[in-house]
């Protein structure tokens, strides 16, 4: 990887509701934002709902498999 290569990243963090709009605006000024979405707080649901917990586990495994596939078969530039 060269220092001038464009890299796509995905990060998740918490921010106060009052700062959300300005944070999004600031990010869009300095980087090419591909996706910006609000993630619902599912902590309580995860703790109390076994079906939801299984869905989260399945999603995590599917994401892992997709990343492994991409890393193996995606042509390098």
C-alpha atoms as a PDB file:
ATOM      1  CA  UNK A   1       0.000   0.000   0.000  1.00  0.00           C
ATOM      2  CA  UNK A   2       1.282   3.419  -0.977  1.00  0.00           C
ATOM      3  CA  UNK A   3       0.761   6.517   1.194  1.00  0.00           C
ATOM      4  CA  UNK A   4      -1.302   8.057  -1.620  1.00  0.00           C
ATOM      5  CA  UNK A   5      -3.709   5.086  -1.925  1.00  0.00           C
ATOM      6  CA  UNK A   6      -7.338   5.784  -1.011  1.00  0.00           C
ATOM      7  CA  UNK A   7      -8.500   3.429   1.726  1.00  0.00           C
ATOM      8  CA  UNK A   8     -12.080   2.666   2.723  1.00  0.00           C
ATOM      9  CA  UNK A   9     -12.660   2.338   6.461  1.00  0.00           C
ATOM     10  CA  UNK A  10     -15.680   1.614   8.622  1.00  0.00           C
ATOM     11  CA  UNK A  11     -15.831   2.816  12.213  1.00  0.00           C
ATOM     12  CA  UNK A  12     -18.518   2.954  14.876  1.00  0.00           C
ATOM     13  CA  UNK A  13     -18.524   5.361  17.799  1.00  0.00           C
ATOM     14  CA  UNK A  14     -20.922   7.147  20.132  1.00  0.00           C
ATOM     15  CA  UNK A  15     -21.679  10.866  19.966  1.00  0.00           C
ATOM     16  CA  UNK A  16     -24.208  13.049  21.752  1.00  0.00           C
ATOM     17  CA  UNK A  17     -27.416  13.770  19.862  1.00  0.00           C
ATOM     18  CA  UNK A  18     -26.730  17.501  19.978  1.00  0.00           C
ATOM     19  CA  UNK A  19     -23.375  17.018  18.210  1.00  0.00           C
ATOM     20  CA  UNK A  20     -24.547  14.559  15.564  1.00  0.00           C
ATOM     21  CA  UNK A  21     -25.469  17.015  12.822  1.00  0.00           C
ATOM     22  CA  UNK A  22     -22.284  19.051  13.137  1.00  0.00           C
ATOM     23  CA  UNK A  23     -20.157  15.904  13.295  1.00  0.00           C
ATOM     24  CA  UNK A  24     -21.656  14.623  10.060  1.00  0.00           C
ATOM     25  CA  UNK A  25     -21.142  18.003   8.402  1.00  0.00           C
ATOM     26  CA  UNK A  26     -17.503  18.163   9.552  1.00  0.00           C
ATOM     27  CA  UNK A  27     -16.761  14.644   8.311  1.00  0.00           C
ATOM     28  CA  UNK A  28     -18.277  15.391   4.930  1.00  0.00           C
ATOM     29  CA  UNK A  29     -15.975  18.432   4.606  1.00  0.00           C
ATOM     30  CA  UNK A  30     -12.763  16.434   4.993  1.00  0.00           C
ATOM     31  CA  UNK A  31     -13.484  12.916   3.683  1.00  0.00           C
ATOM     32  CA  UNK A  32     -15.642  11.194   1.072  1.00  0.00           C
ATOM     33  CA  UNK A  33     -18.448   9.842   3.287  1.00  0.00           C
ATOM     34  CA  UNK A  34     -19.923   6.728   1.657  1.00  0.00           C
ATOM     35  CA  UNK A  35     -22.441   5.892   4.381  1.00  0.00           C
ATOM     36  CA  UNK A  36     -23.550   7.685   7.541  1.00  0.00           C
ATOM     37  CA  UNK A  37     -26.319   6.087   9.556  1.00  0.00           C
ATOM     38  CA  UNK A  38     -27.739   6.037  13.038  1.00  0.00           C
ATOM     39  CA  UNK A  39     -27.444   2.657  14.751  1.00  0.00           C
ATOM     40  CA  UNK A  40     -30.211   1.827  17.195  1.00  0.00           C
ATOM     41  CA  UNK A  41     -29.208   0.877  20.711  1.00  0.00           C
ATOM     42  CA  UNK A  42     -29.854  -2.863  20.820  1.00  0.00           C
ATOM     43  CA  UNK A  43     -28.032  -3.682  24.090  1.00  0.00           C
ATOM     44  CA  UNK A  44     -31.239  -4.455  25.987  1.00  0.00           C
ATOM     45  CA  UNK A  45     -32.670  -6.480  23.111  1.00  0.00           C
ATOM     46  CA  UNK A  46     -29.435  -8.467  22.854  1.00  0.00           C
ATOM     47  CA  UNK A  47     -29.538  -9.258  26.577  1.00  0.00           C
ATOM     48  CA  UNK A  48     -33.197 -10.325  26.595  1.00  0.00           C
ATOM     49  CA  UNK A  49     -33.971 -11.851  23.193  1.00  0.00           C
ATOM     50  CA  UNK A  50     -32.324 -15.139  22.224  1.00  0.00           C
ATOM     51  CA  UNK A  51     -33.567 -14.945  18.617  1.00  0.00           C
ATOM     52  CA  UNK A  52     -31.979 -11.517  18.199  1.00  0.00           C
ATOM     53  CA  UNK A  53     -28.743 -12.793  19.727  1.00  0.00           C
ATOM     54  CA  UNK A  54     -28.684 -15.608  17.149  1.00  0.00           C
ATOM     55  CA  UNK A  55     -29.284 -13.097  14.338  1.00  0.00           C
ATOM     56  CA  UNK A  56     -26.389 -10.941  15.544  1.00  0.00           C
ATOM     57  CA  UNK A  57     -24.132 -13.984  15.703  1.00  0.00           C
ATOM     58  CA  UNK A  58     -25.171 -15.062  12.177  1.00  0.00           C
ATOM     59  CA  UNK A  59     -24.577 -11.548  10.826  1.00  0.00           C
ATOM     60  CA  UNK A  60     -21.133 -11.438  12.439  1.00  0.00           C
ATOM     61  CA  UNK A  61     -20.202 -14.800  10.923  1.00  0.00           C
ATOM     62  CA  UNK A  62     -21.528 -13.788   7.481  1.00  0.00           C
ATOM     63  CA  UNK A  63     -19.530 -10.547   7.615  1.00  0.00           C
ATOM     64  CA  UNK A  64     -16.398 -12.474   8.548  1.00  0.00           C
ATOM     65  CA  UNK A  65     -16.909 -14.912   5.658  1.00  0.00           C
ATOM     66  CA  UNK A  66     -17.466 -12.045   3.199  1.00  0.00           C
ATOM     67  CA  UNK A  67     -14.270 -10.323   4.344  1.00  0.00           C
ATOM     68  CA  UNK A  68     -12.287 -13.547   4.013  1.00  0.00           C
ATOM     69  CA  UNK A  69     -13.705 -14.070   0.512  1.00  0.00           C
ATOM     70  CA  UNK A  70     -12.895 -10.510  -0.553  1.00  0.00           C
ATOM     71  CA  UNK A  71      -9.356 -10.773   0.805  1.00  0.00           C
ATOM     72  CA  UNK A  72      -8.823 -14.030  -1.048  1.00  0.00           C
ATOM     73  CA  UNK A  73     -10.453 -13.305  -4.418  1.00  0.00           C
ATOM     74  CA  UNK A  74     -10.497  -9.533  -4.866  1.00  0.00           C
ATOM     75  CA  UNK A  75      -7.867  -8.606  -7.468  1.00  0.00           C
ATOM     76  CA  UNK A  76      -5.116  -6.444  -6.076  1.00  0.00           C
ATOM     77  CA  UNK A  77      -4.359  -3.215  -7.934  1.00  0.00           C
END
